[in-house]
Structure formats: C-alpha cells, structure tokens
Amino acid sequence: MVTLTRLNGKNFILNALYIEQIESFPDTTITLTNGKKFVVRESERDVMLSVVNFYRSIQILGPHKHLEEDYFEE
C-alpha cells in the first residue's frame, strides 16, 4: 500500500499491486488494472519510488541499492 495525495490535499491509501500505469499530463495520473484513474499531487518519480518501496516491503523485489537508477535514468 502507498499513501498518496489527491489534488484537493486529502490523503488516501492505494494498493500498489493494482497499478497498471503512471503518467504525467502534467498532473500525475495513475491508472489501475480495472481502468479507474487517480490524479495525485506526487510526481511520477515519487509515486514510482513509493511503489518500489512497497514491493520491497512485501518482498516482491529483493534489495538493490541502485534500483531507482534502473527506472529513472538522469
């Protein structure tokens, strides 16, 4: 689960296992596997890092010191 912020400032918790796509339009839009969409204040990068941390916490991903660099080449 990841904690995110709606555009109106209210926090909510989302099960990251159902995230299919994360885009910026310029607002960050998260599309779930059922087609439902959420627009959040967090950047695309911040959402992805939260998802990666969630996956690590439930041991879907093993520890990797530079995992963020794999997803976000600067």
PDB file of N, CA and C in Angstrom:
ATOM      1  N   MET A   1       0.839  -1.172   0.000  1.00  0.00           N
ATOM      2  CA  MET A   1       0.000   0.000   0.000  1.00  0.00           C
ATOM      3  C   MET A   1       0.886   1.237   0.000  1.00  0.00           C
ATOM      4  N   VAL A   2       0.444   2.257  -0.733  1.00  0.00           N
ATOM      5  CA  VAL A   2       1.174   3.522  -0.765  1.00  0.00           C
ATOM      6  C   VAL A   2       0.211   4.655  -0.409  1.00  0.00           C
ATOM      7  N   THR A   3       0.723   5.630   0.313  1.00  0.00           N
ATOM      8  CA  THR A   3      -0.070   6.801   0.678  1.00  0.00           C
ATOM      9  C   THR A   3       0.171   7.886  -0.361  1.00  0.00           C
ATOM     10  N   LEU A   4      -0.909   8.410  -0.914  1.00  0.00           N
ATOM     11  CA  LEU A   4      -0.844   9.434  -1.946  1.00  0.00           C
ATOM     12  C   LEU A   4      -1.746  10.601  -1.570  1.00  0.00           C
ATOM     13  N   THR A   5      -1.629  11.707  -2.318  1.00  0.00           N
ATOM     14  CA  THR A   5      -2.397  12.909  -2.032  1.00  0.00           C
ATOM     15  C   THR A   5      -3.205  13.315  -3.264  1.00  0.00           C
ATOM     16  N   ARG A   6      -4.518  13.432  -3.081  1.00  0.00           N
ATOM     17  CA  ARG A   6      -5.363  13.920  -4.170  1.00  0.00           C
ATOM     18  C   ARG A   6      -5.060  15.398  -4.410  1.00  0.00           C
ATOM     19  N   LEU A   7      -5.508  15.922  -5.536  1.00  0.00           N
ATOM     20  CA  LEU A   7      -5.264  17.335  -5.846  1.00  0.00           C
ATOM     21  C   LEU A   7      -5.900  18.266  -4.824  1.00  0.00           C
ATOM     22  N   ASN A   8      -6.982  17.809  -4.145  1.00  0.00           N
ATOM     23  CA  ASN A   8      -7.632  18.643  -3.124  1.00  0.00           C
ATOM     24  C   ASN A   8      -6.906  18.603  -1.777  1.00  0.00           C
ATOM     25  N   GLY A   9      -5.774  17.870  -1.711  1.00  0.00           N
ATOM     26  CA  GLY A   9      -4.966  17.823  -0.496  1.00  0.00           C
ATOM     27  C   GLY A   9      -5.270  16.668   0.443  1.00  0.00           C
ATOM     28  N   LYS A  10      -6.304  15.879   0.145  1.00  0.00           N
ATOM     29  CA  LYS A  10      -6.663  14.760   1.015  1.00  0.00           C
ATOM     30  C   LYS A  10      -5.823  13.536   0.683  1.00  0.00           C
ATOM     31  N   ASN A  11      -5.306  12.894   1.731  1.00  0.00           N
ATOM     32  CA  ASN A  11      -4.512  11.683   1.567  1.00  0.00           C
ATOM     33  C   ASN A  11      -5.407  10.470   1.401  1.00  0.00           C
ATOM     34  N   PHE A  12      -4.913   9.476   0.682  1.00  0.00           N
ATOM     35  CA  PHE A  12      -5.586   8.191   0.580  1.00  0.00           C
ATOM     36  C   PHE A  12      -4.535   7.110   0.400  1.00  0.00           C
ATOM     37  N   ILE A  13      -4.933   5.896   0.654  1.00  0.00           N
ATOM     38  CA  ILE A  13      -4.012   4.759   0.545  1.00  0.00           C
ATOM     39  C   ILE A  13      -4.457   3.903  -0.626  1.00  0.00           C
ATOM     40  N   LEU A  14      -3.493   3.553  -1.478  1.00  0.00           N
ATOM     41  CA  LEU A  14      -3.772   2.800  -2.693  1.00  0.00           C
ATOM     42  C   LEU A  14      -2.978   1.504  -2.676  1.00  0.00           C
ATOM     43  N   ASN A  15      -3.621   0.410  -3.033  1.00  0.00           N
ATOM     44  CA  ASN A  15      -2.922  -0.864  -3.157  1.00  0.00           C
ATOM     45  C   ASN A  15      -2.124  -0.838  -4.455  1.00  0.00           C
ATOM     46  N   ALA A  16      -0.810  -0.737  -4.341  1.00  0.00           N
ATOM     47  CA  ALA A  16       0.070  -0.578  -5.498  1.00  0.00           C
ATOM     48  C   ALA A  16       0.094  -1.798  -6.406  1.00  0.00           C
ATOM     49  N   LEU A  17      -0.401  -2.921  -5.932  1.00  0.00           N
ATOM     50  CA  LEU A  17      -0.423  -4.117  -6.777  1.00  0.00           C
ATOM     51  C   LEU A  17      -1.369  -3.961  -7.961  1.00  0.00           C
ATOM     52  N   TYR A  18      -2.301  -3.020  -7.877  1.00  0.00           N
ATOM     53  CA  TYR A  18      -3.284  -2.833  -8.938  1.00  0.00           C
ATOM     54  C   TYR A  18      -2.928  -1.706  -9.912  1.00  0.00           C
ATOM     55  N   ILE A  19      -1.751  -1.109  -9.735  1.00  0.00           N
ATOM     56  CA  ILE A  19      -1.340  -0.032 -10.637  1.00  0.00           C
ATOM     57  C   ILE A  19      -0.887  -0.632 -11.961  1.00  0.00           C
ATOM     58  N   GLU A  20      -1.479  -0.137 -13.025  1.00  0.00           N
ATOM     59  CA  GLU A  20      -1.103  -0.581 -14.368  1.00  0.00           C
ATOM     60  C   GLU A  20      -0.201   0.447 -15.044  1.00  0.00           C
ATOM     61  N   GLN A  21      -0.464   1.736 -14.769  1.00  0.00           N
ATOM     62  CA  GLN A  21       0.249   2.784 -15.492  1.00  0.00           C
ATOM     63  C   GLN A  21       0.318   4.047 -14.661  1.00  0.00           C
ATOM     64  N   ILE A  22       1.445   4.756 -14.771  1.00  0.00           N
ATOM     65  CA  ILE A  22       1.624   6.052 -14.121  1.00  0.00           C
ATOM     66  C   ILE A  22       2.075   7.021 -15.208  1.00  0.00           C
ATOM     67  N   GLU A  23       1.341   8.140 -15.357  1.00  0.00           N
ATOM     68  CA  GLU A  23       1.660   9.119 -16.399  1.00  0.00           C
ATOM     69  C   GLU A  23       1.568  10.526 -15.826  1.00  0.00           C
ATOM     70  N   SER A  24       2.143  11.470 -16.547  1.00  0.00           N
ATOM     71  CA  SER A  24       2.010  12.886 -16.192  1.00  0.00           C
ATOM     72  C   SER A  24       1.373  13.617 -17.352  1.00  0.00           C
ATOM     73  N   PHE A  25       0.294  14.382 -17.064  1.00  0.00           N
ATOM     74  CA  PHE A  25      -0.461  15.082 -18.119  1.00  0.00           C
ATOM     75  C   PHE A  25      -0.592  16.581 -17.960  1.00  0.00           C
ATOM     76  N   PRO A  26      -0.070  17.433 -17.240  1.00  0.00           N
ATOM     77  CA  PRO A  26       1.126  17.331 -16.442  1.00  0.00           C
ATOM     78  C   PRO A  26       0.890  16.763 -15.046  1.00  0.00           C
ATOM     79  N   ASP A  27      -0.383  16.727 -14.566  1.00  0.00           N
ATOM     80  CA  ASP A  27      -0.622  16.124 -13.254  1.00  0.00           C
ATOM     81  C   ASP A  27      -0.390  14.622 -13.343  1.00  0.00           C
ATOM     82  N   THR A  28       0.093  14.050 -12.260  1.00  0.00           N
ATOM     83  CA  THR A  28       0.371  12.617 -12.236  1.00  0.00           C
ATOM     84  C   THR A  28      -0.945  11.854 -12.179  1.00  0.00           C
ATOM     85  N   THR A  29      -1.145  10.981 -13.150  1.00  0.00           N
ATOM     86  CA  THR A  29      -2.361  10.185 -13.254  1.00  0.00           C
ATOM     87  C   THR A  29      -1.990   8.708 -13.143  1.00  0.00           C
ATOM     88  N   ILE A  30      -2.660   8.021 -12.226  1.00  0.00           N
ATOM     89  CA  ILE A  30      -2.424   6.599 -12.002  1.00  0.00           C
ATOM     90  C   ILE A  30      -3.627   5.840 -12.533  1.00  0.00           C
ATOM     91  N   THR A  31      -3.382   4.873 -13.397  1.00  0.00           N
ATOM     92  CA  THR A  31      -4.445   4.029 -13.931  1.00  0.00           C
ATOM     93  C   THR A  31      -4.308   2.648 -13.315  1.00  0.00           C
ATOM     94  N   LEU A  32      -5.413   2.143 -12.780  1.00  0.00           N
ATOM     95  CA  LEU A  32      -5.419   0.807 -12.178  1.00  0.00           C
ATOM     96  C   LEU A  32      -5.802  -0.241 -13.218  1.00  0.00           C
ATOM     97  N   THR A  33      -5.611  -1.499 -12.866  1.00  0.00           N
ATOM     98  CA  THR A  33      -5.908  -2.592 -13.791  1.00  0.00           C
ATOM     99  C   THR A  33      -7.393  -2.661 -14.141  1.00  0.00           C
ATOM    100  N   ASN A  34      -8.263  -2.089 -13.303  1.00  0.00           N
ATOM    101  CA  ASN A  34      -9.701  -2.089 -13.601  1.00  0.00           C
ATOM    102  C   ASN A  34     -10.130  -0.856 -14.397  1.00  0.00           C
ATOM    103  N   GLY A  35      -9.161   0.002 -14.778  1.00  0.00           N
ATOM    104  CA  GLY A  35      -9.452   1.185 -15.571  1.00  0.00           C
ATOM    105  C   GLY A  35      -9.697   2.447 -14.766  1.00  0.00           C
ATOM    106  N   LYS A  36      -9.856   2.329 -13.448  1.00  0.00           N
ATOM    107  CA  LYS A  36     -10.080   3.504 -12.606  1.00  0.00           C
ATOM    108  C   LYS A  36      -8.817   4.357 -12.580  1.00  0.00           C
ATOM    109  N   LYS A  37      -9.009   5.678 -12.566  1.00  0.00           N
ATOM    110  CA  LYS A  37      -7.885   6.610 -12.586  1.00  0.00           C
ATOM    111  C   LYS A  37      -7.889   7.492 -11.346  1.00  0.00           C
ATOM    112  N   PHE A  38      -6.687   7.808 -10.882  1.00  0.00           N
ATOM    113  CA  PHE A  38      -6.495   8.725  -9.766  1.00  0.00           C
ATOM    114  C   PHE A  38      -5.498   9.785 -10.205  1.00  0.00           C
ATOM    115  N   VAL A  39      -5.808  11.046  -9.917  1.00  0.00           N
ATOM    116  CA  VAL A  39      -4.881  12.143 -10.176  1.00  0.00           C
ATOM    117  C   VAL A  39      -4.330  12.572  -8.822  1.00  0.00           C
ATOM    118  N   VAL A  40      -3.002  12.628  -8.717  1.00  0.00           N
ATOM    119  CA  VAL A  40      -2.364  12.883  -7.428  1.00  0.00           C
ATOM    120  C   VAL A  40      -1.361  14.029  -7.525  1.00  0.00           C
ATOM    121  N   ARG A  41      -1.020  14.580  -6.363  1.00  0.00           N
ATOM    122  CA  ARG A  41      -0.052  15.685  -6.286  1.00  0.00           C
ATOM    123  C   ARG A  41       1.385  15.218  -6.451  1.00  0.00           C
ATOM    124  N   GLU A  42       1.681  13.982  -6.055  1.00  0.00           N
ATOM    125  CA  GLU A  42       3.043  13.478  -6.119  1.00  0.00           C
ATOM    126  C   GLU A  42       3.509  13.397  -7.573  1.00  0.00           C
ATOM    127  N   SER A  43       4.818  13.538  -7.757  1.00  0.00           N
ATOM    128  CA  SER A  43       5.378  13.414  -9.103  1.00  0.00           C
ATOM    129  C   SER A  43       5.369  11.937  -9.522  1.00  0.00           C
ATOM    130  N   GLU A  44       5.502  11.725 -10.810  1.00  0.00           N
ATOM    131  CA  GLU A  44       5.584  10.367 -11.342  1.00  0.00           C
ATOM    132  C   GLU A  44       6.725   9.600 -10.668  1.00  0.00           C
ATOM    133  N   ARG A  45       7.842  10.269 -10.511  1.00  0.00           N
ATOM    134  CA  ARG A  45       9.015   9.645  -9.880  1.00  0.00           C
ATOM    135  C   ARG A  45       8.717   9.264  -8.426  1.00  0.00           C
ATOM    136  N   ASP A  46       8.093  10.170  -7.671  1.00  0.00           N
ATOM    137  CA  ASP A  46       7.799   9.890  -6.267  1.00  0.00           C
ATOM    138  C   ASP A  46       6.827   8.723  -6.123  1.00  0.00           C
ATOM    139  N   VAL A  47       5.841   8.645  -7.017  1.00  0.00           N
ATOM    140  CA  VAL A  47       4.906   7.512  -6.974  1.00  0.00           C
ATOM    141  C   VAL A  47       5.656   6.222  -7.247  1.00  0.00           C
ATOM    142  N   MET A  48       6.508   6.230  -8.263  1.00  0.00           N
ATOM    143  CA  MET A  48       7.254   5.024  -8.606  1.00  0.00           C
ATOM    144  C   MET A  48       8.149   4.585  -7.458  1.00  0.00           C
ATOM    145  N   LEU A  49       8.831   5.524  -6.819  1.00  0.00           N
ATOM    146  CA  LEU A  49       9.682   5.175  -5.680  1.00  0.00           C
ATOM    147  C   LEU A  49       8.861   4.600  -4.527  1.00  0.00           C
ATOM    148  N   SER A  50       7.675   5.146  -4.285  1.00  0.00           N
ATOM    149  CA  SER A  50       6.798   4.609  -3.238  1.00  0.00           C
ATOM    150  C   SER A  50       6.361   3.181  -3.581  1.00  0.00           C
ATOM    151  N   VAL A  51       6.060   2.952  -4.850  1.00  0.00           N
ATOM    152  CA  VAL A  51       5.647   1.621  -5.287  1.00  0.00           C
ATOM    153  C   VAL A  51       6.800   0.630  -5.117  1.00  0.00           C
ATOM    154  N   VAL A  52       7.999   1.031  -5.521  1.00  0.00           N
ATOM    155  CA  VAL A  52       9.172   0.163  -5.374  1.00  0.00           C
ATOM    156  C   VAL A  52       9.403  -0.161  -3.906  1.00  0.00           C
ATOM    157  N   ASN A  53       9.282   0.834  -3.027  1.00  0.00           N
ATOM    158  CA  ASN A  53       9.455   0.585  -1.588  1.00  0.00           C
ATOM    159  C   ASN A  53       8.384  -0.359  -1.062  1.00  0.00           C
ATOM    160  N   PHE A  54       7.161  -0.208  -1.544  1.00  0.00           N
ATOM    161  CA  PHE A  54       6.087  -1.125  -1.147  1.00  0.00           C
ATOM    162  C   PHE A  54       6.404  -2.543  -1.597  1.00  0.00           C
ATOM    163  N   TYR A  55       6.823  -2.696  -2.849  1.00  0.00           N
ATOM    164  CA  TYR A  55       7.175  -4.029  -3.363  1.00  0.00           C
ATOM    165  C   TYR A  55       8.289  -4.655  -2.528  1.00  0.00           C
ATOM    166  N   ARG A  56       9.267  -3.841  -2.144  1.00  0.00           N
ATOM    167  CA  ARG A  56      10.343  -4.358  -1.287  1.00  0.00           C
ATOM    168  C   ARG A  56       9.790  -4.811   0.064  1.00  0.00           C
ATOM    169  N   SER A  57       8.860  -4.035   0.619  1.00  0.00           N
ATOM    170  CA  SER A  57       8.340  -4.348   1.953  1.00  0.00           C
ATOM    171  C   SER A  57       7.561  -5.656   1.970  1.00  0.00           C
ATOM    172  N   ILE A  58       6.976  -6.041   0.836  1.00  0.00           N
ATOM    173  CA  ILE A  58       6.260  -7.316   0.779  1.00  0.00           C
ATOM    174  C   ILE A  58       7.086  -8.375   0.061  1.00  0.00           C
ATOM    175  N   GLN A  59       8.358  -8.044  -0.141  1.00  0.00           N
ATOM    176  CA  GLN A  59       9.364  -8.952  -0.679  1.00  0.00           C
ATOM    177  C   GLN A  59       9.076  -9.437  -2.093  1.00  0.00           C
ATOM    178  N   ILE A  60       8.461  -8.579  -2.909  1.00  0.00           N
ATOM    179  CA  ILE A  60       8.325  -8.882  -4.330  1.00  0.00           C
ATOM    180  C   ILE A  60       9.628  -8.548  -5.039  1.00  0.00           C
ATOM    181  N   LEU A  61      10.308  -7.494  -4.572  1.00  0.00           N
ATOM    182  CA  LEU A  61      11.612  -7.116  -5.103  1.00  0.00           C
ATOM    183  C   LEU A  61      12.654  -7.339  -4.029  1.00  0.00           C
ATOM    184  N   GLY A  62      13.780  -7.862  -4.420  1.00  0.00           N
ATOM    185  CA  GLY A  62      14.886  -8.020  -3.482  1.00  0.00           C
ATOM    186  C   GLY A  62      15.601  -6.695  -3.296  1.00  0.00           C
ATOM    187  N   PRO A  63      16.485  -6.637  -2.320  1.00  0.00           N
ATOM    188  CA  PRO A  63      17.227  -5.394  -2.096  1.00  0.00           C
ATOM    189  C   PRO A  63      18.148  -5.104  -3.278  1.00  0.00           C
ATOM    190  N   HIS A  64      18.195  -3.870  -3.670  1.00  0.00           N
ATOM    191  CA  HIS A  64      19.054  -3.439  -4.772  1.00  0.00           C
ATOM    192  C   HIS A  64      19.370  -1.984  -4.523  1.00  0.00           C
ATOM    193  N   LYS A  65      20.629  -1.660  -4.246  1.00  0.00           N
ATOM    194  CA  LYS A  65      20.973  -0.312  -3.824  1.00  0.00           C
ATOM    195  C   LYS A  65      20.670   0.757  -4.863  1.00  0.00           C
ATOM    196  N   HIS A  66      20.724   0.426  -6.131  1.00  0.00           N
ATOM    197  CA  HIS A  66      20.555   1.437  -7.166  1.00  0.00           C
ATOM    198  C   HIS A  66      19.302   1.187  -8.000  1.00  0.00           C
ATOM    199  N   LEU A  67      18.277   0.625  -7.392  1.00  0.00           N
ATOM    200  CA  LEU A  67      17.060   0.297  -8.124  1.00  0.00           C
ATOM    201  C   LEU A  67      16.425   1.527  -8.747  1.00  0.00           C
ATOM    202  N   GLU A  68      16.447   2.664  -8.033  1.00  0.00           N
ATOM    203  CA  GLU A  68      15.850   3.874  -8.556  1.00  0.00           C
ATOM    204  C   GLU A  68      16.508   4.291  -9.864  1.00  0.00           C
ATOM    205  N   GLU A  69      17.815   4.096  -9.978  1.00  0.00           N
ATOM    206  CA  GLU A  69      18.527   4.456 -11.193  1.00  0.00           C
ATOM    207  C   GLU A  69      18.088   3.593 -12.371  1.00  0.00           C
ATOM    208  N   ASP A  70      17.670   2.358 -12.108  1.00  0.00           N
ATOM    209  CA  ASP A  70      17.196   1.479 -13.174  1.00  0.00           C
ATOM    210  C   ASP A  70      15.932   2.040 -13.810  1.00  0.00           C
ATOM    211  N   TYR A  71      15.091   2.703 -13.014  1.00  0.00           N
ATOM    212  CA  TYR A  71      13.828   3.224 -13.510  1.00  0.00           C
ATOM    213  C   TYR A  71      13.932   4.662 -13.997  1.00  0.00           C
ATOM    214  N   PHE A  72      14.866   5.420 -13.421  1.00  0.00           N
ATOM    215  CA  PHE A  72      14.951   6.838 -13.725  1.00  0.00           C
ATOM    216  C   PHE A  72      16.372   7.203 -14.117  1.00  0.00           C
ATOM    217  N   GLU A  73      16.653   7.077 -15.368  1.00  0.00           N
ATOM    218  CA  GLU A  73      17.964   7.486 -15.850  1.00  0.00           C
ATOM    219  C   GLU A  73      17.970   8.998 -15.983  1.00  0.00           C
ATOM    220  N   GLU A  74      18.980   9.624 -15.446  1.00  0.00           N
ATOM    221  CA  GLU A  74      19.049  11.093 -15.456  1.00  0.00           C
ATOM    222  C   GLU A  74      19.908  11.561 -16.606  1.00  0.00           C
TER     223      GLU A  74
END
